[in-house]
Amino acid sequence: MTKLSCFVDELRENSSFKHVINKTNIEILRSGHLVETNSQHASTLGAPFTQSSSRADRAATDLKRIKEVCKKYKGTEYDEDPANVSHWHSSVDDEHRLIYYYIPKTGCSLWKAIFAILTKQSNETDAVNVRHYDVHFRMKFPSLYKLDDDVRERKLNSYFVFAVVRHPFERLVSGYNDKLGDPGEKYFQRTYGTRIIEEYRRGATPKEIKSGKPTFSEYVEFLINPKTVKTYKIDSHWAQYYKIIHPCFIKYDYIVRFEHMKEDTQYILDSRNLGNIVKFTYKDPVTSSEKLNKFMRQLTISQIYKLYDSYKFDFELFGYDFDIHNYI
């Protein structure tokens, strides 16, 4: 884990600091902090893909980058023990030889709906018409989780394996809004929200704690605190990608981008000759940098750097950029 300069650490409680700091100041601070910038990503991880890029070429580049990043961090804290690799988040369609590793808050409802149609658990032909509640709570999709090792390996080596990712910070904002914000979900607010407020809000009243609705800054403090991992089971809605889909141990055939979900999904269906079975009148989500920045600007400079540190491996694995200038 990279270290922040002492100067930045001393200012972490000064939330007004980020509103007055200019780019020259940031460059000085950054000089003591190993942080990936847009230019570094462009040179070492590959420039962002354009709409005209070949999906096959992009897949090859994605897989090459993942392999290189995994090799780069071999023997570090990011190098997981193979014995800890979980297949809990896998969905299998044996008939069409598909394996989908799903990450919450990356559009998994759409692909679960597609699997519902492919596995004949739904009579719908358009995936967007399959009920959200059904795919998450009523329908059952076979998993690799409980299979014997040899059966699991055979399927992983012969089926089409894919996952969906999105910008890590956008996913964290989405997870916060959906689970801990207003209105949020009562289960998450009771399980996590009350504890976060109790621990990170000075002088919190019983009413505030009971609400279970922490601020975004309090939520981030929870995520970046090293003791959180030791004390709580980190929920998959904000756990790091590499801890959910294990890209250094599972060989993927394709990485879908949430930002281009429609085109990437159609590419997979067409390449597997499934385009005539499943339709989806789906529009790509409107990703707003202003919406993301609205939340990121609630954080101190120190919090932003530490949040990046916590999700740095995901940024590098999937080629997403981090530039502090975007968030102040």
C-alpha atoms as a PDB file:
ATOM      1  CA  MET A   1       0.000   0.000   0.000  1.00  0.00           C
ATOM      2  CA  THR A   2       1.426   3.379  -0.962  1.00  0.00           C
ATOM      3  CA  LYS A   3       1.940   6.011   1.725  1.00  0.00           C
ATOM      4  CA  LEU A   4       0.594   9.549   1.777  1.00  0.00           C
ATOM      5  CA  SER A   5       2.872  12.427   2.561  1.00  0.00           C
ATOM      6  CA  CYS A   6       2.841  13.531   6.204  1.00  0.00           C
ATOM      7  CA  PHE A   7       1.622  16.916   5.071  1.00  0.00           C
ATOM      8  CA  VAL A   8      -1.505  15.487   3.467  1.00  0.00           C
ATOM      9  CA  ASP A   9      -2.194  13.257   6.472  1.00  0.00           C
ATOM     10  CA  GLU A  10      -2.068  16.255   8.795  1.00  0.00           C
ATOM     11  CA  LEU A  11      -4.674  17.961   6.631  1.00  0.00           C
ATOM     12  CA  ARG A  12      -7.035  15.014   6.243  1.00  0.00           C
ATOM     13  CA  GLU A  13      -9.560  16.487   8.674  1.00  0.00           C
ATOM     14  CA  ASN A  14      -9.556  19.846   6.909  1.00  0.00           C
ATOM     15  CA  SER A  15     -12.361  19.343   4.415  1.00  0.00           C
ATOM     16  CA  SER A  16     -12.040  22.911   3.138  1.00  0.00           C
ATOM     17  CA  PHE A  17      -8.482  22.251   2.040  1.00  0.00           C
ATOM     18  CA  LYS A  18      -9.515  20.502  -1.166  1.00  0.00           C
ATOM     19  CA  HIS A  19     -11.530  23.505  -2.312  1.00  0.00           C
ATOM     20  CA  VAL A  20      -8.573  25.887  -2.298  1.00  0.00           C
ATOM     21  CA  ILE A  21      -5.720  23.645  -3.355  1.00  0.00           C
ATOM     22  CA  ASN A  22      -4.559  24.275  -6.915  1.00  0.00           C
ATOM     23  CA  LYS A  23      -2.912  22.007  -9.448  1.00  0.00           C
ATOM     24  CA  THR A  24       0.585  23.164  -8.531  1.00  0.00           C
ATOM     25  CA  ASN A  25      -0.018  22.228  -4.905  1.00  0.00           C
ATOM     26  CA  ILE A  26      -1.316  18.829  -5.981  1.00  0.00           C
ATOM     27  CA  GLU A  27       1.750  18.119  -8.092  1.00  0.00           C
ATOM     28  CA  ILE A  28       3.919  18.908  -5.047  1.00  0.00           C
ATOM     29  CA  LEU A  29       1.867  16.577  -2.872  1.00  0.00           C
ATOM     30  CA  ARG A  30       1.832  13.892  -5.518  1.00  0.00           C
ATOM     31  CA  SER A  31       5.614  13.922  -5.742  1.00  0.00           C
ATOM     32  CA  GLY A  32       5.699  11.953  -2.511  1.00  0.00           C
ATOM     33  CA  HIS A  33       2.859   9.616  -3.445  1.00  0.00           C
ATOM     34  CA  LEU A  34       2.987   6.837  -6.003  1.00  0.00           C
ATOM     35  CA  VAL A  35      -0.247   7.416  -7.871  1.00  0.00           C
ATOM     36  CA  GLU A  36      -1.297   6.391 -11.351  1.00  0.00           C
ATOM     37  CA  THR A  37      -2.191   9.298 -13.645  1.00  0.00           C
ATOM     38  CA  ASN A  38      -3.968   9.368 -16.962  1.00  0.00           C
ATOM     39  CA  SER A  39      -0.697   9.518 -18.863  1.00  0.00           C
ATOM     40  CA  GLN A  40       0.715   6.598 -16.914  1.00  0.00           C
ATOM     41  CA  HIS A  41      -2.341   4.509 -17.640  1.00  0.00           C
ATOM     42  CA  ALA A  42      -2.205   5.390 -21.309  1.00  0.00           C
ATOM     43  CA  SER A  43       1.360   4.165 -21.567  1.00  0.00           C
ATOM     44  CA  THR A  44       1.307   1.126 -19.322  1.00  0.00           C
ATOM     45  CA  LEU A  45      -2.260  -0.121 -19.379  1.00  0.00           C
ATOM     46  CA  GLY A  46      -3.470   0.864 -22.811  1.00  0.00           C
ATOM     47  CA  ALA A  47      -5.518   3.878 -23.881  1.00  0.00           C
ATOM     48  CA  PRO A  48      -9.297   3.835 -23.423  1.00  0.00           C
ATOM     49  CA  PHE A  49     -11.152   1.913 -26.101  1.00  0.00           C
ATOM     50  CA  THR A  50     -13.289   3.743 -28.621  1.00  0.00           C
ATOM     51  CA  GLN A  51     -16.658   2.661 -29.930  1.00  0.00           C
ATOM     52  CA  SER A  52     -15.044   1.629 -33.206  1.00  0.00           C
ATOM     53  CA  SER A  53     -12.549  -0.697 -31.535  1.00  0.00           C
ATOM     54  CA  SER A  54     -12.984  -4.348 -32.369  1.00  0.00           C
ATOM     55  CA  ARG A  55     -14.544  -6.236 -29.480  1.00  0.00           C
ATOM     56  CA  ALA A  56     -12.233  -9.176 -30.144  1.00  0.00           C
ATOM     57  CA  ASP A  57      -9.183  -6.903 -30.140  1.00  0.00           C
ATOM     58  CA  ARG A  58     -10.345  -5.268 -26.955  1.00  0.00           C
ATOM     59  CA  ALA A  59     -10.824  -8.632 -25.292  1.00  0.00           C
ATOM     60  CA  ALA A  60      -7.272  -9.620 -26.203  1.00  0.00           C
ATOM     61  CA  THR A  61      -5.909  -6.343 -24.845  1.00  0.00           C
ATOM     62  CA  ASP A  62      -7.920  -6.670 -21.635  1.00  0.00           C
ATOM     63  CA  LEU A  63      -6.687 -10.194 -21.007  1.00  0.00           C
ATOM     64  CA  LYS A  64      -3.088  -9.222 -21.756  1.00  0.00           C
ATOM     65  CA  ARG A  65      -3.279  -6.304 -19.315  1.00  0.00           C
ATOM     66  CA  ILE A  66      -4.799  -8.473 -16.587  1.00  0.00           C
ATOM     67  CA  LYS A  67      -2.000 -10.985 -17.015  1.00  0.00           C
ATOM     68  CA  GLU A  68       0.665  -8.281 -16.846  1.00  0.00           C
ATOM     69  CA  VAL A  69      -0.836  -6.595 -13.777  1.00  0.00           C
ATOM     70  CA  CYS A  70      -1.178  -9.911 -11.948  1.00  0.00           C
ATOM     71  CA  LYS A  71       2.477 -10.646 -12.716  1.00  0.00           C
ATOM     72  CA  LYS A  72       3.469  -7.152 -11.538  1.00  0.00           C
ATOM     73  CA  TYR A  73       1.899  -7.709  -8.121  1.00  0.00           C
ATOM     74  CA  LYS A  74       2.977 -11.311  -7.666  1.00  0.00           C
ATOM     75  CA  GLY A  75       4.172 -11.808  -4.107  1.00  0.00           C
ATOM     76  CA  THR A  76       2.500  -8.636  -2.790  1.00  0.00           C
ATOM     77  CA  GLU A  77      -0.571  -8.168  -0.622  1.00  0.00           C
ATOM     78  CA  TYR A  78      -2.709  -8.457  -3.762  1.00  0.00           C
ATOM     79  CA  ASP A  79      -1.427 -11.941  -4.550  1.00  0.00           C
ATOM     80  CA  GLU A  80      -4.258 -14.101  -3.221  1.00  0.00           C
ATOM     81  CA  ASP A  81      -3.822 -17.602  -1.913  1.00  0.00           C
ATOM     82  CA  PRO A  82      -5.415 -19.943  -4.502  1.00  0.00           C
ATOM     83  CA  ALA A  83      -7.064 -21.764  -1.609  1.00  0.00           C
ATOM     84  CA  ASN A  84      -9.118 -18.628  -0.928  1.00  0.00           C
ATOM     85  CA  VAL A  85     -10.460 -18.306  -4.462  1.00  0.00           C
ATOM     86  CA  SER A  86     -14.243 -18.500  -4.276  1.00  0.00           C
ATOM     87  CA  HIS A  87     -16.662 -19.339  -7.064  1.00  0.00           C
ATOM     88  CA  TRP A  88     -19.667 -18.185  -5.093  1.00  0.00           C
ATOM     89  CA  HIS A  89     -20.433 -15.401  -7.572  1.00  0.00           C
ATOM     90  CA  SER A  90     -20.631 -17.640 -10.617  1.00  0.00           C
ATOM     91  CA  SER A  91     -23.685 -18.480 -12.714  1.00  0.00           C
ATOM     92  CA  VAL A  92     -23.538 -21.355 -15.191  1.00  0.00           C
ATOM     93  CA  ASP A  93     -25.601 -22.106 -18.290  1.00  0.00           C
ATOM     94  CA  ASP A  94     -24.562 -25.631 -19.258  1.00  0.00           C
ATOM     95  CA  GLU A  95     -26.721 -25.826 -22.383  1.00  0.00           C
ATOM     96  CA  HIS A  96     -25.099 -22.785 -23.968  1.00  0.00           C
ATOM     97  CA  ARG A  97     -21.731 -23.250 -22.235  1.00  0.00           C
ATOM     98  CA  LEU A  98     -21.609 -19.863 -20.536  1.00  0.00           C
ATOM     99  CA  ILE A  99     -20.128 -18.921 -17.176  1.00  0.00           C
ATOM    100  CA  TYR A 100     -20.869 -15.476 -15.766  1.00  0.00           C
ATOM    101  CA  TYR A 101     -19.035 -14.147 -12.700  1.00  0.00           C
ATOM    102  CA  TYR A 102     -21.198 -11.368 -11.348  1.00  0.00           C
ATOM    103  CA  ILE A 103     -20.279  -8.302  -9.313  1.00  0.00           C
ATOM    104  CA  PRO A 104     -23.084  -6.384  -7.565  1.00  0.00           C
ATOM    105  CA  LYS A 105     -23.700  -2.865  -8.865  1.00  0.00           C
ATOM    106  CA  THR A 106     -22.277  -3.576 -12.320  1.00  0.00           C
ATOM    107  CA  GLY A 107     -25.556  -4.313 -14.091  1.00  0.00           C
ATOM    108  CA  CYS A 108     -25.854  -7.912 -12.949  1.00  0.00           C
ATOM    109  CA  SER A 109     -29.664  -7.757 -13.084  1.00  0.00           C
ATOM    110  CA  LEU A 110     -29.547  -7.635 -16.888  1.00  0.00           C
ATOM    111  CA  TRP A 111     -27.278 -10.655 -17.271  1.00  0.00           C
ATOM    112  CA  LYS A 112     -29.187 -12.644 -14.675  1.00  0.00           C
ATOM    113  CA  ALA A 113     -32.341 -11.874 -16.657  1.00  0.00           C
ATOM    114  CA  ILE A 114     -30.612 -13.132 -19.806  1.00  0.00           C
ATOM    115  CA  PHE A 115     -29.624 -16.299 -17.984  1.00  0.00           C
ATOM    116  CA  ALA A 116     -33.236 -16.688 -16.814  1.00  0.00           C
ATOM    117  CA  ILE A 117     -34.338 -16.790 -20.449  1.00  0.00           C
ATOM    118  CA  LEU A 118     -31.481 -19.020 -21.600  1.00  0.00           C
ATOM    119  CA  THR A 119     -32.122 -21.517 -18.800  1.00  0.00           C
ATOM    120  CA  LYS A 120     -35.887 -21.430 -19.494  1.00  0.00           C
ATOM    121  CA  GLN A 121     -36.784 -20.067 -16.075  1.00  0.00           C
ATOM    122  CA  SER A 122     -38.614 -17.208 -17.767  1.00  0.00           C
ATOM    123  CA  ASN A 123     -40.987 -17.216 -20.726  1.00  0.00           C
ATOM    124  CA  GLU A 124     -40.041 -13.655 -21.601  1.00  0.00           C
ATOM    125  CA  THR A 125     -38.081 -13.021 -24.773  1.00  0.00           C
ATOM    126  CA  ASP A 126     -36.904  -9.525 -23.811  1.00  0.00           C
ATOM    127  CA  ALA A 127     -34.542  -9.573 -20.837  1.00  0.00           C
ATOM    128  CA  VAL A 128     -35.631  -6.153 -19.610  1.00  0.00           C
ATOM    129  CA  ASN A 129     -39.103  -7.565 -18.946  1.00  0.00           C
ATOM    130  CA  VAL A 130     -37.837 -10.183 -16.486  1.00  0.00           C
ATOM    131  CA  ARG A 131     -38.623  -8.978 -12.984  1.00  0.00           C
ATOM    132  CA  HIS A 132     -35.684  -7.741 -10.944  1.00  0.00           C
ATOM    133  CA  TYR A 133     -37.013  -9.399  -7.790  1.00  0.00           C
ATOM    134  CA  ASP A 134     -37.351 -12.763  -9.519  1.00  0.00           C
ATOM    135  CA  VAL A 135     -33.792 -12.962 -10.824  1.00  0.00           C
ATOM    136  CA  HIS A 136     -32.323 -12.049  -7.449  1.00  0.00           C
ATOM    137  CA  PHE A 137     -34.582 -13.929  -5.052  1.00  0.00           C
ATOM    138  CA  ARG A 138     -36.724 -16.537  -6.794  1.00  0.00           C
ATOM    139  CA  MET A 139     -34.682 -17.985  -9.600  1.00  0.00           C
ATOM    140  CA  LYS A 140     -31.783 -20.343  -9.061  1.00  0.00           C
ATOM    141  CA  PHE A 141     -28.779 -20.430 -11.324  1.00  0.00           C
ATOM    142  CA  PRO A 142     -26.280 -23.298 -11.165  1.00  0.00           C
ATOM    143  CA  SER A 143     -22.914 -22.273  -9.719  1.00  0.00           C
ATOM    144  CA  LEU A 144     -19.359 -23.577  -9.799  1.00  0.00           C
ATOM    145  CA  TYR A 145     -19.192 -23.140  -6.048  1.00  0.00           C
ATOM    146  CA  LYS A 146     -19.983 -26.684  -4.908  1.00  0.00           C
ATOM    147  CA  LEU A 147     -18.638 -28.630  -7.865  1.00  0.00           C
ATOM    148  CA  ASP A 148     -15.736 -31.038  -7.593  1.00  0.00           C
ATOM    149  CA  ASP A 149     -12.464 -29.429  -8.612  1.00  0.00           C
ATOM    150  CA  ASP A 150     -12.059 -31.512 -11.762  1.00  0.00           C
ATOM    151  CA  VAL A 151     -15.603 -30.750 -12.992  1.00  0.00           C
ATOM    152  CA  ARG A 152     -15.165 -27.053 -12.261  1.00  0.00           C
ATOM    153  CA  GLU A 153     -11.846 -26.905 -14.104  1.00  0.00           C
ATOM    154  CA  ARG A 154     -13.283 -28.711 -17.105  1.00  0.00           C
ATOM    155  CA  LYS A 155     -16.088 -26.183 -17.408  1.00  0.00           C
ATOM    156  CA  LEU A 156     -13.795 -23.209 -16.868  1.00  0.00           C
ATOM    157  CA  ASN A 157     -11.520 -24.466 -19.626  1.00  0.00           C
ATOM    158  CA  SER A 158     -14.265 -25.231 -22.150  1.00  0.00           C
ATOM    159  CA  TYR A 159     -17.058 -22.697 -21.514  1.00  0.00           C
ATOM    160  CA  PHE A 160     -17.166 -18.998 -22.436  1.00  0.00           C
ATOM    161  CA  VAL A 161     -16.256 -17.146 -19.224  1.00  0.00           C
ATOM    162  CA  PHE A 162     -16.975 -13.450 -18.698  1.00  0.00           C
ATOM    163  CA  ALA A 163     -17.555 -10.743 -16.085  1.00  0.00           C
ATOM    164  CA  VAL A 164     -18.798  -7.136 -16.033  1.00  0.00           C
ATOM    165  CA  VAL A 165     -16.850  -4.229 -14.513  1.00  0.00           C
ATOM    166  CA  ARG A 166     -17.343  -0.482 -14.192  1.00  0.00           C
ATOM    167  CA  HIS A 167     -15.295   2.430 -12.853  1.00  0.00           C
ATOM    168  CA  PRO A 168     -14.582   1.471  -9.213  1.00  0.00           C
ATOM    169  CA  PHE A 169     -15.558   4.864  -7.774  1.00  0.00           C
ATOM    170  CA  GLU A 170     -18.835   4.938  -9.723  1.00  0.00           C
ATOM    171  CA  ARG A 171     -19.691   1.518  -8.336  1.00  0.00           C
ATOM    172  CA  LEU A 172     -18.975   2.670  -4.769  1.00  0.00           C
ATOM    173  CA  VAL A 173     -21.272   5.671  -5.218  1.00  0.00           C
ATOM    174  CA  SER A 174     -23.969   3.416  -6.643  1.00  0.00           C
ATOM    175  CA  GLY A 175     -23.579   0.989  -3.740  1.00  0.00           C
ATOM    176  CA  TYR A 176     -23.837   3.838  -1.242  1.00  0.00           C
ATOM    177  CA  ASN A 177     -26.960   5.337  -2.833  1.00  0.00           C
ATOM    178  CA  ASP A 178     -28.706   2.008  -3.259  1.00  0.00           C
ATOM    179  CA  LYS A 179     -27.927   0.433   0.101  1.00  0.00           C
ATOM    180  CA  LEU A 180     -27.130   3.159   2.626  1.00  0.00           C
ATOM    181  CA  GLY A 181     -28.548   6.375   1.220  1.00  0.00           C
ATOM    182  CA  ASP A 182     -32.067   7.744   1.308  1.00  0.00           C
ATOM    183  CA  PRO A 183     -34.190   5.680   1.092  1.00  0.00           C
ATOM    184  CA  GLY A 184     -31.645   2.835   0.830  1.00  0.00           C
ATOM    185  CA  GLU A 185     -32.338  -0.659   2.138  1.00  0.00           C
ATOM    186  CA  LYS A 186     -33.291  -1.250   5.764  1.00  0.00           C
ATOM    187  CA  TYR A 187     -31.188  -4.423   6.025  1.00  0.00           C
ATOM    188  CA  PHE A 188     -27.983  -2.662   4.985  1.00  0.00           C
ATOM    189  CA  GLN A 189     -28.782   0.393   7.075  1.00  0.00           C
ATOM    190  CA  ARG A 190     -29.299  -1.770  10.159  1.00  0.00           C
ATOM    191  CA  THR A 191     -26.325  -4.040   9.459  1.00  0.00           C
ATOM    192  CA  TYR A 192     -23.758  -1.486   8.317  1.00  0.00           C
ATOM    193  CA  GLY A 193     -25.202   2.030   8.489  1.00  0.00           C
ATOM    194  CA  THR A 194     -25.790   2.132  12.235  1.00  0.00           C
ATOM    195  CA  ARG A 195     -22.273   0.842  12.934  1.00  0.00           C
ATOM    196  CA  ILE A 196     -20.688   3.333  10.543  1.00  0.00           C
ATOM    197  CA  ILE A 197     -22.471   6.297  12.140  1.00  0.00           C
ATOM    198  CA  GLU A 198     -21.679   5.074  15.634  1.00  0.00           C
ATOM    199  CA  GLU A 199     -17.985   4.753  14.857  1.00  0.00           C
ATOM    200  CA  TYR A 200     -17.323   7.683  12.535  1.00  0.00           C
ATOM    201  CA  ARG A 201     -19.753  10.439  13.576  1.00  0.00           C
ATOM    202  CA  ARG A 202     -18.634  12.321  16.650  1.00  0.00           C
ATOM    203  CA  GLY A 203     -21.467  13.030  19.036  1.00  0.00           C
ATOM    204  CA  ALA A 204     -24.003  11.061  17.017  1.00  0.00           C
ATOM    205  CA  THR A 205     -27.431  11.024  18.636  1.00  0.00           C
ATOM    206  CA  PRO A 206     -29.383   7.786  19.155  1.00  0.00           C
ATOM    207  CA  LYS A 207     -31.823   8.956  16.469  1.00  0.00           C
ATOM    208  CA  GLU A 208     -29.007   9.507  13.967  1.00  0.00           C
ATOM    209  CA  ILE A 209     -27.498   6.098  14.707  1.00  0.00           C
ATOM    210  CA  LYS A 210     -30.875   4.383  14.387  1.00  0.00           C
ATOM    211  CA  SER A 211     -31.462   6.007  10.978  1.00  0.00           C
ATOM    212  CA  GLY A 212     -28.622   3.917   9.537  1.00  0.00           C
ATOM    213  CA  LYS A 213     -27.924   6.596   6.920  1.00  0.00           C
ATOM    214  CA  PRO A 214     -24.258   7.603   7.081  1.00  0.00           C
ATOM    215  CA  THR A 215     -22.847  10.417   4.999  1.00  0.00           C
ATOM    216  CA  PHE A 216     -20.768   9.480   1.975  1.00  0.00           C
ATOM    217  CA  SER A 217     -17.659  10.641   3.820  1.00  0.00           C
ATOM    218  CA  GLU A 218     -18.461   8.346   6.764  1.00  0.00           C
ATOM    219  CA  TYR A 219     -19.053   5.471   4.369  1.00  0.00           C
ATOM    220  CA  VAL A 220     -15.639   6.069   2.784  1.00  0.00           C
ATOM    221  CA  GLU A 221     -13.965   6.225   6.207  1.00  0.00           C
ATOM    222  CA  PHE A 222     -15.446   2.794   6.857  1.00  0.00           C
ATOM    223  CA  LEU A 223     -14.077   1.456   3.562  1.00  0.00           C
ATOM    224  CA  ILE A 224     -10.545   2.806   3.971  1.00  0.00           C
ATOM    225  CA  ASN A 225     -10.070   1.884   7.630  1.00  0.00           C
ATOM    226  CA  PRO A 226      -7.715  -1.152   7.770  1.00  0.00           C
ATOM    227  CA  LYS A 227      -9.530  -2.579  10.773  1.00  0.00           C
ATOM    228  CA  THR A 228     -12.781  -2.776   8.779  1.00  0.00           C
ATOM    229  CA  VAL A 229     -11.540  -5.822   6.886  1.00  0.00           C
ATOM    230  CA  LYS A 230     -10.587  -7.520  10.145  1.00  0.00           C
ATOM    231  CA  THR A 231     -13.722  -6.582  12.058  1.00  0.00           C
ATOM    232  CA  TYR A 232     -16.489  -6.877   9.477  1.00  0.00           C
ATOM    233  CA  LYS A 233     -17.275  -9.144   6.590  1.00  0.00           C
ATOM    234  CA  ILE A 234     -16.981  -6.732   3.663  1.00  0.00           C
ATOM    235  CA  ASP A 235     -20.174  -6.869   1.634  1.00  0.00           C
ATOM    236  CA  SER A 236     -19.867  -7.733  -2.047  1.00  0.00           C
ATOM    237  CA  HIS A 237     -21.561  -4.454  -3.006  1.00  0.00           C
ATOM    238  CA  TRP A 238     -18.326  -2.639  -2.166  1.00  0.00           C
ATOM    239  CA  ALA A 239     -15.711  -5.396  -1.974  1.00  0.00           C
ATOM    240  CA  GLN A 240     -12.847  -5.084  -4.460  1.00  0.00           C
ATOM    241  CA  TYR A 241     -13.357  -6.747  -7.843  1.00  0.00           C
ATOM    242  CA  TYR A 242     -10.338  -8.998  -7.505  1.00  0.00           C
ATOM    243  CA  LYS A 243     -11.763 -10.471  -4.303  1.00  0.00           C
ATOM    244  CA  ILE A 244     -15.012 -11.390  -6.056  1.00  0.00           C
ATOM    245  CA  ILE A 245     -14.035 -12.582  -9.544  1.00  0.00           C
ATOM    246  CA  HIS A 246     -10.341 -13.487  -8.994  1.00  0.00           C
ATOM    247  CA  PRO A 247      -8.981 -12.450 -12.428  1.00  0.00           C
ATOM    248  CA  CYS A 248      -5.457 -13.619 -11.588  1.00  0.00           C
ATOM    249  CA  PHE A 249      -6.671 -17.208 -11.200  1.00  0.00           C
ATOM    250  CA  ILE A 250      -9.673 -17.456 -13.538  1.00  0.00           C
ATOM    251  CA  LYS A 251      -9.032 -17.139 -17.257  1.00  0.00           C
ATOM    252  CA  TYR A 252     -11.694 -14.893 -18.730  1.00  0.00           C
ATOM    253  CA  ASP A 253     -12.706 -14.810 -22.364  1.00  0.00           C
ATOM    254  CA  TYR A 254     -14.280 -11.379 -22.190  1.00  0.00           C
ATOM    255  CA  ILE A 255     -14.621  -8.424 -19.830  1.00  0.00           C
ATOM    256  CA  VAL A 256     -17.859  -6.495 -20.365  1.00  0.00           C
ATOM    257  CA  ARG A 257     -17.768  -2.765 -19.700  1.00  0.00           C
ATOM    258  CA  PHE A 258     -20.772  -1.438 -17.808  1.00  0.00           C
ATOM    259  CA  GLU A 259     -20.374   1.790 -19.764  1.00  0.00           C
ATOM    260  CA  HIS A 260     -20.958  -0.139 -23.019  1.00  0.00           C
ATOM    261  CA  MET A 261     -23.206  -2.854 -21.675  1.00  0.00           C
ATOM    262  CA  LYS A 262     -25.551  -2.992 -24.657  1.00  0.00           C
ATOM    263  CA  GLU A 263     -22.867  -3.406 -27.311  1.00  0.00           C
ATOM    264  CA  ASP A 264     -20.730  -5.773 -25.238  1.00  0.00           C
ATOM    265  CA  THR A 265     -23.729  -7.918 -24.325  1.00  0.00           C
ATOM    266  CA  GLN A 266     -24.834  -8.098 -27.942  1.00  0.00           C
ATOM    267  CA  TYR A 267     -21.303  -9.083 -28.918  1.00  0.00           C
ATOM    268  CA  ILE A 268     -21.335 -12.038 -26.522  1.00  0.00           C
ATOM    269  CA  LEU A 269     -24.808 -13.177 -27.600  1.00  0.00           C
ATOM    270  CA  ASP A 270     -23.947 -12.919 -31.294  1.00  0.00           C
ATOM    271  CA  SER A 271     -20.576 -14.634 -30.889  1.00  0.00           C
ATOM    272  CA  ARG A 272     -22.351 -17.537 -29.127  1.00  0.00           C
ATOM    273  CA  ASN A 273     -25.211 -17.628 -31.671  1.00  0.00           C
ATOM    274  CA  LEU A 274     -27.733 -16.629 -29.034  1.00  0.00           C
ATOM    275  CA  GLY A 275     -28.941 -13.374 -30.548  1.00  0.00           C
ATOM    276  CA  ASN A 276     -32.085 -15.042 -31.882  1.00  0.00           C
ATOM    277  CA  ILE A 277     -33.017 -16.422 -28.439  1.00  0.00           C
ATOM    278  CA  VAL A 278     -32.623 -13.358 -26.231  1.00  0.00           C
ATOM    279  CA  LYS A 279     -33.611  -9.799 -27.002  1.00  0.00           C
ATOM    280  CA  PHE A 280     -33.073  -6.807 -24.764  1.00  0.00           C
ATOM    281  CA  THR A 281     -34.403  -3.315 -25.353  1.00  0.00           C
ATOM    282  CA  TYR A 282     -31.721  -1.940 -23.089  1.00  0.00           C
ATOM    283  CA  LYS A 283     -30.101   1.462 -23.155  1.00  0.00           C
ATOM    284  CA  ASP A 284     -26.584   1.966 -21.850  1.00  0.00           C
ATOM    285  CA  PRO A 285     -26.628   3.762 -18.491  1.00  0.00           C
ATOM    286  CA  VAL A 286     -25.884   7.456 -18.574  1.00  0.00           C
ATOM    287  CA  THR A 287     -22.626   7.766 -16.653  1.00  0.00           C
ATOM    288  CA  SER A 288     -22.240  11.287 -15.330  1.00  0.00           C
ATOM    289  CA  SER A 289     -18.861  12.524 -14.191  1.00  0.00           C
ATOM    290  CA  GLU A 290     -20.662  15.394 -12.487  1.00  0.00           C
ATOM    291  CA  LYS A 291     -22.739  12.955 -10.417  1.00  0.00           C
ATOM    292  CA  LEU A 292     -19.588  11.124  -9.363  1.00  0.00           C
ATOM    293  CA  ASN A 293     -17.754  14.352  -8.624  1.00  0.00           C
ATOM    294  CA  LYS A 294     -20.653  15.560  -6.468  1.00  0.00           C
ATOM    295  CA  PHE A 295     -19.891  12.752  -4.028  1.00  0.00           C
ATOM    296  CA  MET A 296     -16.112  12.767  -4.381  1.00  0.00           C
ATOM    297  CA  ARG A 297     -16.017  16.468  -3.522  1.00  0.00           C
ATOM    298  CA  GLN A 298     -17.451  15.611  -0.119  1.00  0.00           C
ATOM    299  CA  LEU A 299     -14.132  13.906   0.673  1.00  0.00           C
ATOM    300  CA  THR A 300     -10.802  15.295   1.784  1.00  0.00           C
ATOM    301  CA  ILE A 301      -7.710  14.946  -0.384  1.00  0.00           C
ATOM    302  CA  SER A 302      -6.443  12.321   2.019  1.00  0.00           C
ATOM    303  CA  GLN A 303      -9.658  10.294   1.814  1.00  0.00           C
ATOM    304  CA  ILE A 304      -9.571  10.298  -1.979  1.00  0.00           C
ATOM    305  CA  TYR A 305      -5.989   9.067  -2.103  1.00  0.00           C
ATOM    306  CA  LYS A 306      -6.677   6.393   0.490  1.00  0.00           C
ATOM    307  CA  LEU A 307      -9.802   5.283  -1.349  1.00  0.00           C
ATOM    308  CA  TYR A 308      -7.748   4.922  -4.502  1.00  0.00           C
ATOM    309  CA  ASP A 309      -5.138   2.961  -2.554  1.00  0.00           C
ATOM    310  CA  SER A 310      -7.853   0.569  -1.386  1.00  0.00           C
ATOM    311  CA  TYR A 311      -9.071  -0.074  -4.947  1.00  0.00           C
ATOM    312  CA  LYS A 312      -5.826   0.511  -6.842  1.00  0.00           C
ATOM    313  CA  PHE A 313      -5.496  -3.091  -7.958  1.00  0.00           C
ATOM    314  CA  ASP A 314      -8.957  -2.976  -9.568  1.00  0.00           C
ATOM    315  CA  PHE A 315      -8.093   0.273 -11.350  1.00  0.00           C
ATOM    316  CA  GLU A 316      -4.973  -1.272 -12.847  1.00  0.00           C
ATOM    317  CA  LEU A 317      -6.440  -4.675 -13.664  1.00  0.00           C
ATOM    318  CA  PHE A 318      -9.194  -3.179 -15.772  1.00  0.00           C
ATOM    319  CA  GLY A 319      -7.452  -0.073 -17.083  1.00  0.00           C
ATOM    320  CA  TYR A 320      -9.467   2.623 -15.344  1.00  0.00           C
ATOM    321  CA  ASP A 321      -7.815   6.001 -14.830  1.00  0.00           C
ATOM    322  CA  PHE A 322      -7.321   7.881 -11.592  1.00  0.00           C
ATOM    323  CA  ASP A 323      -6.579  11.607 -11.624  1.00  0.00           C
ATOM    324  CA  ILE A 324      -7.020  13.683  -8.460  1.00  0.00           C
ATOM    325  CA  HIS A 325      -7.800  16.749 -10.589  1.00  0.00           C
ATOM    326  CA  ASN A 326     -11.168  15.214 -11.470  1.00  0.00           C
ATOM    327  CA  TYR A 327     -12.389  15.288  -7.885  1.00  0.00           C
ATOM    328  CA  ILE A 328     -11.501  18.708  -6.481  1.00  0.00           C
END
